[in-house]
């Protein structure tokens, strides 16, 4: 978390502050914004790898008081307009497309404003998984499923207990009962209640029209801003078939033990 305050400056000055961030994920909070911030993301990796990175930012729900631009060699491209209330909207761009320039907008009372956003750095391949704009709801091929099993942040066998739709955020929340936990990067799926059942929530796009259904699925996906996002999710019996076929041919990219 990086935090800054505009009240430490004389309000008539157009200060530009430089902020350097070394972490691959975190958040910026700018209280009482005046002037501007230049946000420099400098992860602890080889500069040669920078071109393979995607940056994503997610403004806080109540963020206000500044415009957020993508800046490269003095040219500004507006990313987030002050007052834009698009819930859960995520903005992504290639690391080599420029840095972040956050400029305060004129305010009658700056003490009431806080500008803030979360950020994540990820490989371009991982970002493409999350933002498949061309066909975000299409079923995965056998090859994609087998690869997802090896590379996803979470892999579970489970059933859909319920689905709740959030029209404002254009998202669906899948409430999952877990029968087998193969892998999870964060503790999204946890033991709940006296029954000792594992449960968790996975988010996906509302337009995909996910509905409760019988039977088990193999749920895979990525962690994104602290939330589990759905990737490939075939019926479990279909996954068993494709896994066995690939294993018999020696083509499965990793071992998981699908029983």
Protein backbone atom coordinates (compact mmCIF):
# COMPACT_ATOMS: atom_id res chain seq x y z
CA UNK A 1 0.00 0.00 0.00
CA UNK A 2 1.38 3.38 -1.02
CA UNK A 3 -0.28 6.43 0.53
CA UNK A 4 0.12 10.14 -0.13
CA UNK A 5 -1.63 13.34 0.91
CA UNK A 6 -2.13 16.60 -1.00
CA UNK A 7 -2.60 18.61 2.18
CA UNK A 8 1.15 18.57 2.76
CA UNK A 9 1.51 20.97 -0.19
CA UNK A 10 0.45 24.52 -0.67
CA UNK A 11 -2.81 24.28 -2.58
CA UNK A 12 -1.83 26.81 -5.26
CA UNK A 13 1.24 24.83 -6.32
CA UNK A 14 1.05 22.37 -9.20
CA UNK A 15 3.36 19.78 -7.68
CA UNK A 16 4.15 16.54 -9.49
CA UNK A 17 5.28 13.73 -7.20
CA UNK A 18 7.06 10.57 -8.29
CA UNK A 19 6.02 7.27 -6.65
CA UNK A 20 8.07 4.10 -7.15
CA UNK A 21 6.47 0.70 -6.51
CA UNK A 22 8.48 -2.51 -6.40
CA UNK A 23 5.69 -5.00 -5.62
CA UNK A 24 3.86 -6.96 -8.33
CA UNK A 25 0.52 -6.11 -6.71
CA UNK A 26 -0.76 -3.58 -4.22
CA UNK A 27 -2.74 -0.38 -4.00
CA UNK A 28 -2.36 3.39 -4.19
CA UNK A 29 -4.30 5.73 -1.92
CA UNK A 30 -3.99 9.48 -2.51
CA UNK A 31 -5.76 11.52 0.13
CA UNK A 32 -6.85 15.10 -0.60
CA UNK A 33 -5.32 15.08 -4.10
CA UNK A 34 -3.70 18.24 -5.49
CA UNK A 35 -1.23 18.48 -8.36
CA UNK A 36 -0.29 15.12 -9.86
CA UNK A 37 1.35 11.76 -9.16
CA UNK A 38 3.57 9.84 -11.55
CA UNK A 39 3.32 6.16 -10.59
CA UNK A 40 6.40 4.17 -11.60
CA UNK A 41 5.97 0.39 -11.44
CA UNK A 42 9.41 -1.16 -11.08
CA UNK A 43 9.00 -4.85 -10.21
CA UNK A 44 12.01 -6.80 -9.00
CA UNK A 45 12.49 -8.67 -12.26
CA UNK A 46 14.84 -8.31 -15.18
CA UNK A 47 14.02 -5.23 -17.32
CA UNK A 48 14.17 -7.56 -20.33
CA UNK A 49 10.95 -9.18 -19.01
CA UNK A 50 9.04 -5.89 -18.85
CA UNK A 51 7.72 -6.26 -22.41
CA UNK A 52 5.94 -9.48 -21.38
CA UNK A 53 3.99 -7.77 -18.57
CA UNK A 54 0.43 -6.49 -18.44
CA UNK A 55 -0.66 -3.90 -15.85
CA UNK A 56 -4.24 -3.94 -14.54
CA UNK A 57 -5.78 -1.35 -12.24
CA UNK A 58 -9.12 -1.45 -10.41
CA UNK A 59 -10.28 1.88 -8.92
CA UNK A 60 -11.74 1.87 -5.41
CA UNK A 61 -15.53 2.07 -5.44
CA UNK A 62 -15.52 5.54 -3.85
CA UNK A 63 -12.40 6.86 -5.60
CA UNK A 64 -12.73 10.57 -6.49
CA UNK A 65 -10.72 13.73 -7.02
CA UNK A 66 -8.43 12.84 -9.93
CA UNK A 67 -8.22 11.58 -13.50
CA UNK A 68 -5.95 8.59 -14.23
CA UNK A 69 -3.99 8.65 -17.49
CA UNK A 70 -1.63 6.36 -19.34
CA UNK A 71 1.47 8.44 -20.05
CA UNK A 72 4.26 7.75 -22.55
CA UNK A 73 6.86 10.29 -23.68
CA UNK A 74 4.65 13.20 -22.66
CA UNK A 75 1.46 11.98 -24.35
CA UNK A 76 -1.56 11.33 -22.10
CA UNK A 77 -4.35 8.83 -22.77
CA UNK A 78 -7.33 8.98 -20.37
CA UNK A 79 -7.93 5.68 -18.57
CA UNK A 80 -10.30 6.59 -15.72
CA UNK A 81 -12.25 9.84 -15.60
CA UNK A 82 -12.90 11.43 -12.19
CA UNK A 83 -16.38 10.45 -11.07
CA UNK A 84 -16.64 7.42 -13.39
CA UNK A 85 -18.71 5.01 -11.34
CA UNK A 86 -18.24 1.75 -13.22
CA UNK A 87 -18.33 -0.83 -10.45
CA UNK A 88 -15.62 -3.49 -10.55
CA UNK A 89 -14.28 -2.08 -13.84
CA UNK A 90 -10.72 -3.21 -14.50
CA UNK A 91 -8.39 -1.34 -16.88
CA UNK A 92 -5.45 -3.21 -18.41
CA UNK A 93 -2.55 -2.20 -20.65
CA UNK A 94 0.85 -3.49 -21.67
CA UNK A 95 3.69 -2.44 -19.37
CA UNK A 96 5.55 -1.03 -22.39
CA UNK A 97 2.56 1.18 -23.33
CA UNK A 98 3.51 3.69 -20.65
CA UNK A 99 3.18 4.60 -16.98
CA UNK A 100 0.39 5.98 -14.82
CA UNK A 101 -0.14 9.73 -14.47
CA UNK A 102 -2.73 10.64 -11.84
CA UNK A 103 -3.82 14.28 -12.01
CA UNK A 104 -6.05 15.95 -9.40
CA UNK A 105 -9.12 17.73 -10.72
CA UNK A 106 -10.11 21.20 -9.43
CA UNK A 107 -12.13 20.85 -6.22
CA UNK A 108 -13.99 23.24 -3.94
CA UNK A 109 -13.09 21.08 -0.93
CA UNK A 110 -10.21 18.66 -1.49
CA UNK A 111 -10.39 17.33 2.07
CA UNK A 112 -13.42 15.25 1.12
CA UNK A 113 -11.67 13.41 -1.72
CA UNK A 114 -9.59 10.23 -1.81
CA UNK A 115 -8.29 8.78 -5.07
CA UNK A 116 -7.31 5.14 -4.96
CA UNK A 117 -6.92 1.96 -6.95
CA UNK A 118 -5.54 -1.56 -6.74
CA UNK A 119 -2.95 -2.67 -9.25
CA UNK A 120 -1.58 -6.00 -10.47
CA UNK A 121 1.28 -6.92 -12.74
CA UNK A 122 0.95 -10.21 -14.60
CA UNK A 123 2.28 -12.01 -17.65
CA UNK A 124 0.49 -11.17 -20.89
CA UNK A 125 -0.63 -14.78 -21.30
CA UNK A 126 -2.27 -14.78 -17.87
CA UNK A 127 -4.01 -11.48 -18.60
CA UNK A 128 -5.35 -12.88 -21.87
CA UNK A 129 -6.99 -15.70 -19.89
CA UNK A 130 -8.85 -13.12 -17.81
CA UNK A 131 -9.86 -10.82 -20.65
CA UNK A 132 -10.76 -12.95 -23.66
CA UNK A 133 -12.75 -10.15 -25.24
CA UNK A 134 -13.54 -12.06 -28.43
CA UNK A 135 -15.35 -15.00 -26.79
CA UNK A 136 -15.27 -14.83 -22.98
CA UNK A 137 -17.97 -17.47 -22.50
CA UNK A 138 -17.00 -20.11 -25.04
CA UNK A 139 -16.24 -23.63 -23.75
CA UNK A 140 -12.57 -24.57 -23.52
CA UNK A 141 -11.05 -27.14 -25.86
CA UNK A 142 -9.54 -30.33 -24.43
CA UNK A 143 -6.04 -28.87 -24.80
CA UNK A 144 -7.05 -25.66 -23.01
CA UNK A 145 -8.59 -27.62 -20.12
CA UNK A 146 -5.50 -29.79 -19.65
CA UNK A 147 -3.24 -26.74 -19.71
CA UNK A 148 -5.53 -24.89 -17.28
CA UNK A 149 -5.18 -27.76 -14.82
CA UNK A 150 -1.41 -27.21 -14.79
CA UNK A 151 -1.29 -23.41 -14.72
CA UNK A 152 -4.41 -22.16 -12.88
CA UNK A 153 -4.36 -20.52 -9.45
CA UNK A 154 -7.10 -22.88 -8.30
CA UNK A 155 -8.25 -26.32 -9.47
CA UNK A 156 -11.17 -28.00 -7.71
CA UNK A 157 -13.78 -30.67 -8.25
CA UNK A 158 -17.12 -29.35 -7.06
CA UNK A 159 -20.79 -28.68 -7.64
CA UNK A 160 -22.78 -25.48 -8.14
CA UNK A 161 -24.81 -24.86 -4.99
CA UNK A 162 -26.27 -21.56 -6.15
CA UNK A 163 -25.68 -18.64 -8.53
CA UNK A 164 -26.36 -15.02 -7.60
CA UNK A 165 -26.35 -12.34 -10.28
CA UNK A 166 -25.12 -8.79 -9.72
CA UNK A 167 -26.71 -6.77 -12.51
CA UNK A 168 -24.97 -3.51 -11.57
CA UNK A 169 -21.54 -5.10 -11.75
CA UNK A 170 -22.47 -7.34 -14.71
CA UNK A 171 -21.15 -10.38 -12.85
CA UNK A 172 -22.38 -13.72 -11.57
CA UNK A 173 -21.18 -15.29 -8.33
CA UNK A 174 -21.02 -19.09 -8.40
CA UNK A 175 -21.37 -20.61 -4.92
CA UNK A 176 -19.37 -23.83 -5.07
CA UNK A 177 -19.43 -26.89 -2.85
CA UNK A 178 -15.97 -28.49 -3.03
CA UNK A 179 -15.60 -32.27 -3.28
CA UNK A 180 -11.86 -32.29 -3.91
CA UNK A 181 -9.32 -29.49 -3.71
CA UNK A 182 -6.38 -30.02 -6.05
CA UNK A 183 -4.79 -26.58 -5.72
CA UNK A 184 -5.49 -23.05 -4.54
CA UNK A 185 -3.14 -20.07 -4.47
CA UNK A 186 -5.23 -18.11 -1.96
CA UNK A 187 -7.60 -19.39 0.69
CA UNK A 188 -10.77 -18.72 -1.27
CA UNK A 189 -12.13 -22.19 -0.60
CA UNK A 190 -12.43 -22.93 3.11
CA UNK A 191 -14.03 -25.29 5.59
CA UNK A 192 -17.34 -23.89 6.77
CA UNK A 193 -19.80 -24.81 9.50
CA UNK A 194 -19.97 -27.87 11.70
CA UNK A 195 -20.51 -30.16 8.72
CA UNK A 196 -16.90 -29.65 7.68
CA UNK A 197 -17.75 -28.94 4.04
CA UNK A 198 -15.41 -26.92 1.85
CA UNK A 199 -17.06 -24.00 0.10
CA UNK A 200 -16.10 -20.91 -1.88
CA UNK A 201 -17.18 -18.38 -4.49
CA UNK A 202 -16.07 -17.93 -8.08
CA UNK A 203 -16.95 -14.88 -10.19
CA UNK A 204 -17.64 -14.79 -13.91
CA UNK A 205 -19.36 -12.51 -16.43
CA UNK A 206 -23.13 -12.15 -16.18
CA UNK A 207 -23.41 -12.55 -19.95
CA UNK A 208 -22.16 -16.14 -19.68
CA UNK A 209 -25.50 -17.10 -18.12
CA UNK A 210 -24.22 -19.60 -15.55
CA UNK A 211 -27.06 -21.47 -13.82
CA UNK A 212 -27.19 -24.05 -11.01
CA UNK A 213 -26.97 -27.59 -12.34
CA UNK A 214 -26.59 -31.16 -11.20
CA UNK A 215 -23.34 -33.07 -11.20
CA UNK A 216 -19.69 -32.24 -10.61
CA UNK A 217 -17.50 -29.86 -12.56
CA UNK A 218 -13.76 -29.24 -12.67
CA UNK A 219 -13.42 -25.55 -11.84
CA UNK A 220 -10.19 -23.79 -12.79
CA UNK A 221 -9.26 -20.13 -12.90
CA UNK A 222 -7.14 -17.21 -11.71
CA UNK A 223 -6.99 -14.99 -8.67
CA UNK A 224 -7.61 -11.39 -9.74
CA UNK A 225 -7.69 -8.53 -7.23
CA UNK A 226 -8.33 -11.00 -4.43
CA UNK A 227 -11.21 -12.73 -6.19
CA UNK A 228 -11.43 -16.14 -7.86
CA UNK A 229 -12.24 -15.67 -11.56
CA UNK A 230 -13.58 -18.58 -13.59
CA UNK A 231 -11.45 -20.08 -16.33
CA UNK A 232 -12.20 -23.48 -17.85
CA UNK A 233 -14.98 -25.47 -16.14
CA UNK A 234 -15.85 -28.72 -17.93
CA UNK A 235 -18.13 -31.36 -16.43
CA UNK A 236 -15.94 -33.61 -14.33
CA UNK A 237 -16.76 -36.75 -16.32
CA UNK A 238 -15.67 -34.95 -19.51
CA UNK A 239 -12.42 -33.92 -17.82
CA UNK A 240 -11.77 -37.54 -16.76
CA UNK A 241 -12.24 -38.66 -20.36
CA UNK A 242 -9.91 -36.05 -21.87
CA UNK A 243 -7.30 -36.60 -19.16
CA UNK A 244 -7.27 -40.39 -19.73
CA UNK A 245 -7.05 -39.97 -23.52
CA UNK A 246 -4.11 -37.56 -23.18
CA UNK A 247 -2.37 -39.78 -20.61
CA UNK A 248 -2.73 -42.86 -22.82
CA UNK A 249 -1.00 -40.93 -25.61
CA UNK A 250 1.61 -39.44 -23.25
CA UNK A 251 0.35 -35.93 -24.05
CA UNK A 252 -0.98 -34.71 -20.69
CA UNK A 253 1.10 -31.65 -19.71
CA UNK A 254 1.05 -32.47 -15.97
CA UNK A 255 -0.12 -35.14 -13.52
CA UNK A 256 -3.11 -34.44 -11.31
CA UNK A 257 -4.82 -37.74 -10.47
CA UNK A 258 -8.38 -37.03 -11.62
CA UNK A 259 -10.12 -39.74 -9.56
